[in-house]
Amino acid sequence: MSDYETRFDAALSELEVAGIWRSNAHPPYVWVMRSVGLHPRLPHYLPFWRAALGQGVFFGAFWGLIMYATTWGPQNMPMGVMLVSSVIAGAFFGLFMALYYKHCRRRYNLSDWEDLHRAPKGEFAA
């Protein structure tokens, strides 16, 4: 098992022990990224700026597309207004999600990604 897989499994176990729901600990985008061969960290183990940027870009892009298809397009809203609205929505979403993950890391005393590994008895050692 690779170092990444060991850390990933240890992170999932640590989040489960902390009582964090599997759907929160292992969001669908992580599964998609892993299925195409990438090695993403679980969001609770990302640095603040990477969590904010990743969540914000993802949310802003998809929210903007949905809003365009359902509301903005039929209303013929100017492209600049759509882009600015999507960027602002993504920035706020990314910021608040990063704050949430930071709060969870502190509240549940989660390990740093670099410190994750399994102790011989299956307990966590940091």
C-alpha atoms as a PDB file:
ATOM      1  CA  MET A   1       0.000   0.000   0.000  1.00  0.00           C
ATOM      2  CA  SER A   2       1.343   3.425  -0.972  1.00  0.00           C
ATOM      3  CA  ASP A   3       2.054   6.195   1.495  1.00  0.00           C
ATOM      4  CA  TYR A   4      -0.934   8.116   0.127  1.00  0.00           C
ATOM      5  CA  GLU A   5      -3.295   5.169   0.577  1.00  0.00           C
ATOM      6  CA  THR A   6      -2.063   4.633   4.127  1.00  0.00           C
ATOM      7  CA  ARG A   7      -2.661   8.275   5.012  1.00  0.00           C
ATOM      8  CA  PHE A   8      -6.039   8.309   3.247  1.00  0.00           C
ATOM      9  CA  ASP A   9      -7.263   5.223   5.121  1.00  0.00           C
ATOM     10  CA  ALA A  10      -5.953   6.599   8.412  1.00  0.00           C
ATOM     11  CA  ALA A  11      -7.723   9.913   7.752  1.00  0.00           C
ATOM     12  CA  LEU A  12     -11.026   8.159   7.038  1.00  0.00           C
ATOM     13  CA  SER A  13     -10.665   6.125  10.218  1.00  0.00           C
ATOM     14  CA  GLU A  14      -9.784   9.187  12.280  1.00  0.00           C
ATOM     15  CA  LEU A  15     -12.818  11.064  10.953  1.00  0.00           C
ATOM     16  CA  GLU A  16     -15.057   8.078  11.685  1.00  0.00           C
ATOM     17  CA  VAL A  17     -13.742   7.825  15.247  1.00  0.00           C
ATOM     18  CA  ALA A  18     -14.372  11.573  15.650  1.00  0.00           C
ATOM     19  CA  GLY A  19     -18.003  11.013  14.677  1.00  0.00           C
ATOM     20  CA  ILE A  20     -17.890  12.962  11.420  1.00  0.00           C
ATOM     21  CA  TRP A  21     -20.379  11.561   8.912  1.00  0.00           C
ATOM     22  CA  ARG A  22     -18.929   9.622   5.998  1.00  0.00           C
ATOM     23  CA  SER A  23     -20.735  11.881   3.490  1.00  0.00           C
ATOM     24  CA  ASN A  24     -19.035  14.892   5.093  1.00  0.00           C
ATOM     25  CA  ALA A  25     -15.650  13.235   5.473  1.00  0.00           C
ATOM     26  CA  HIS A  26     -15.521  11.767   1.957  1.00  0.00           C
ATOM     27  CA  PRO A  27     -17.402  14.090  -0.426  1.00  0.00           C
ATOM     28  CA  PRO A  28     -18.236  12.926  -3.969  1.00  0.00           C
ATOM     29  CA  TYR A  29     -15.563  15.056  -5.647  1.00  0.00           C
ATOM     30  CA  VAL A  30     -12.870  13.126  -3.742  1.00  0.00           C
ATOM     31  CA  TRP A  31     -14.267   9.845  -5.070  1.00  0.00           C
ATOM     32  CA  VAL A  32     -14.321  11.255  -8.631  1.00  0.00           C
ATOM     33  CA  MET A  33     -10.745  12.504  -8.372  1.00  0.00           C
ATOM     34  CA  ARG A  34      -9.538   9.170  -6.986  1.00  0.00           C
ATOM     35  CA  SER A  35     -11.364   7.239  -9.716  1.00  0.00           C
ATOM     36  CA  VAL A  36      -9.367   9.094 -12.393  1.00  0.00           C
ATOM     37  CA  GLY A  37      -6.067   8.401 -10.642  1.00  0.00           C
ATOM     38  CA  LEU A  38      -5.500  11.601  -8.678  1.00  0.00           C
ATOM     39  CA  HIS A  39      -4.492  11.682  -5.008  1.00  0.00           C
ATOM     40  CA  PRO A  40      -6.614  14.331  -3.273  1.00  0.00           C
ATOM     41  CA  ARG A  41      -6.600  14.919   0.454  1.00  0.00           C
ATOM     42  CA  LEU A  42      -9.833  14.747   2.337  1.00  0.00           C
ATOM     43  CA  PRO A  43     -11.129  18.303   2.859  1.00  0.00           C
ATOM     44  CA  HIS A  44     -10.625  18.232   6.651  1.00  0.00           C
ATOM     45  CA  TYR A  45      -6.882  17.829   6.043  1.00  0.00           C
ATOM     46  CA  LEU A  46      -6.398  20.612   3.498  1.00  0.00           C
ATOM     47  CA  PRO A  47      -4.609  23.854   4.392  1.00  0.00           C
ATOM     48  CA  PHE A  48      -7.058  26.737   4.842  1.00  0.00           C
ATOM     49  CA  TRP A  49      -6.234  28.495   1.567  1.00  0.00           C
ATOM     50  CA  ARG A  50      -6.497  25.290  -0.495  1.00  0.00           C
ATOM     51  CA  ALA A  51      -9.851  24.419   1.062  1.00  0.00           C
ATOM     52  CA  ALA A  52     -11.150  27.945   0.421  1.00  0.00           C
ATOM     53  CA  LEU A  53      -9.875  28.074  -3.145  1.00  0.00           C
ATOM     54  CA  GLY A  54     -10.979  24.551  -4.092  1.00  0.00           C
ATOM     55  CA  GLN A  55     -14.432  24.781  -2.573  1.00  0.00           C
ATOM     56  CA  GLY A  56     -14.956  28.312  -3.867  1.00  0.00           C
ATOM     57  CA  VAL A  57     -13.969  27.598  -7.472  1.00  0.00           C
ATOM     58  CA  PHE A  58     -16.012  24.393  -7.572  1.00  0.00           C
ATOM     59  CA  PHE A  59     -19.115  26.005  -6.063  1.00  0.00           C
ATOM     60  CA  GLY A  60     -18.859  29.255  -8.020  1.00  0.00           C
ATOM     61  CA  ALA A  61     -18.527  27.471 -11.356  1.00  0.00           C
ATOM     62  CA  PHE A  62     -21.405  25.052 -10.864  1.00  0.00           C
ATOM     63  CA  TRP A  63     -23.676  27.570  -9.152  1.00  0.00           C
ATOM     64  CA  GLY A  64     -23.057  30.014 -11.990  1.00  0.00           C
ATOM     65  CA  LEU A  65     -23.892  27.390 -14.623  1.00  0.00           C
ATOM     66  CA  ILE A  66     -27.089  26.386 -12.850  1.00  0.00           C
ATOM     67  CA  MET A  67     -28.120  30.014 -12.378  1.00  0.00           C
ATOM     68  CA  TYR A  68     -27.402  30.733 -16.043  1.00  0.00           C
ATOM     69  CA  ALA A  69     -29.485  27.783 -17.221  1.00  0.00           C
ATOM     70  CA  THR A  70     -32.419  28.453 -14.906  1.00  0.00           C
ATOM     71  CA  THR A  71     -32.561  32.205 -14.297  1.00  0.00           C
ATOM     72  CA  TRP A  72     -29.891  34.443 -15.788  1.00  0.00           C
ATOM     73  CA  GLY A  73     -30.017  33.134 -19.361  1.00  0.00           C
ATOM     74  CA  PRO A  74     -33.782  33.556 -19.778  1.00  0.00           C
ATOM     75  CA  GLN A  75     -33.518  37.056 -18.230  1.00  0.00           C
ATOM     76  CA  ASN A  76     -30.676  38.048 -20.628  1.00  0.00           C
ATOM     77  CA  MET A  77     -28.500  39.171 -17.712  1.00  0.00           C
ATOM     78  CA  PRO A  78     -25.188  40.769 -18.793  1.00  0.00           C
ATOM     79  CA  MET A  79     -22.205  38.391 -18.780  1.00  0.00           C
ATOM     80  CA  GLY A  80     -20.180  40.658 -16.461  1.00  0.00           C
ATOM     81  CA  VAL A  81     -22.890  40.594 -13.809  1.00  0.00           C
ATOM     82  CA  MET A  82     -23.099  36.789 -14.055  1.00  0.00           C
ATOM     83  CA  LEU A  83     -19.339  36.384 -13.662  1.00  0.00           C
ATOM     84  CA  VAL A  84     -19.063  38.797 -10.743  1.00  0.00           C
ATOM     85  CA  SER A  85     -22.027  37.126  -9.009  1.00  0.00           C
ATOM     86  CA  SER A  86     -20.486  33.673  -9.477  1.00  0.00           C
ATOM     87  CA  VAL A  87     -17.099  34.828  -8.168  1.00  0.00           C
ATOM     88  CA  ILE A  88     -18.648  36.480  -5.106  1.00  0.00           C
ATOM     89  CA  ALA A  89     -20.817  33.418  -4.353  1.00  0.00           C
ATOM     90  CA  GLY A  90     -17.804  31.124  -4.774  1.00  0.00           C
ATOM     91  CA  ALA A  91     -15.618  33.314  -2.555  1.00  0.00           C
ATOM     92  CA  PHE A  92     -18.141  33.346   0.273  1.00  0.00           C
ATOM     93  CA  PHE A  93     -18.844  29.621  -0.012  1.00  0.00           C
ATOM     94  CA  GLY A  94     -15.136  28.771  -0.134  1.00  0.00           C
ATOM     95  CA  LEU A  95     -14.355  30.992   2.850  1.00  0.00           C
ATOM     96  CA  PHE A  96     -17.117  29.548   5.004  1.00  0.00           C
ATOM     97  CA  MET A  97     -16.319  25.942   4.061  1.00  0.00           C
ATOM     98  CA  ALA A  98     -12.638  26.499   4.872  1.00  0.00           C
ATOM     99  CA  LEU A  99     -13.646  27.986   8.225  1.00  0.00           C
ATOM    100  CA  TYR A 100     -15.876  24.969   8.860  1.00  0.00           C
ATOM    101  CA  TYR A 101     -13.040  22.519   8.107  1.00  0.00           C
ATOM    102  CA  LYS A 102     -10.651  24.515  10.298  1.00  0.00           C
ATOM    103  CA  HIS A 103     -13.226  24.465  13.122  1.00  0.00           C
ATOM    104  CA  CYS A 104     -13.621  20.690  12.778  1.00  0.00           C
ATOM    105  CA  ARG A 105      -9.843  20.153  12.828  1.00  0.00           C
ATOM    106  CA  ARG A 106      -9.608  22.031  16.124  1.00  0.00           C
ATOM    107  CA  ARG A 107     -12.788  20.664  17.696  1.00  0.00           C
ATOM    108  CA  TYR A 108     -11.942  17.028  17.018  1.00  0.00           C
ATOM    109  CA  ASN A 109      -8.177  17.480  17.394  1.00  0.00           C
ATOM    110  CA  LEU A 110      -7.505  15.956  13.979  1.00  0.00           C
ATOM    111  CA  SER A 111      -3.983  15.056  12.950  1.00  0.00           C
ATOM    112  CA  ASP A 112      -2.049  16.890  10.267  1.00  0.00           C
ATOM    113  CA  TRP A 113      -1.984  15.071   6.919  1.00  0.00           C
ATOM    114  CA  GLU A 114       1.773  14.587   7.180  1.00  0.00           C
ATOM    115  CA  ASP A 115       1.409  12.968  10.623  1.00  0.00           C
ATOM    116  CA  LEU A 116      -1.224  10.413   9.641  1.00  0.00           C
ATOM    117  CA  HIS A 117      -0.172   6.820   9.909  1.00  0.00           C
ATOM    118  CA  ARG A 118      -1.416   3.723  11.629  1.00  0.00           C
ATOM    119  CA  ALA A 119       0.062   2.581  14.897  1.00  0.00           C
ATOM    120  CA  PRO A 120       0.623  -1.203  15.230  1.00  0.00           C
ATOM    121  CA  LYS A 121      -2.610  -1.727  17.211  1.00  0.00           C
ATOM    122  CA  GLY A 122      -4.715   0.199  14.698  1.00  0.00           C
ATOM    123  CA  GLU A 123      -4.787   3.275  16.903  1.00  0.00           C
ATOM    124  CA  PHE A 124      -3.691   6.642  15.676  1.00  0.00           C
ATOM    125  CA  ALA A 125      -0.331   8.068  16.437  1.00  0.00           C
ATOM    126  CA  ALA A 126       0.602  11.598  15.575  1.00  0.00           C
END
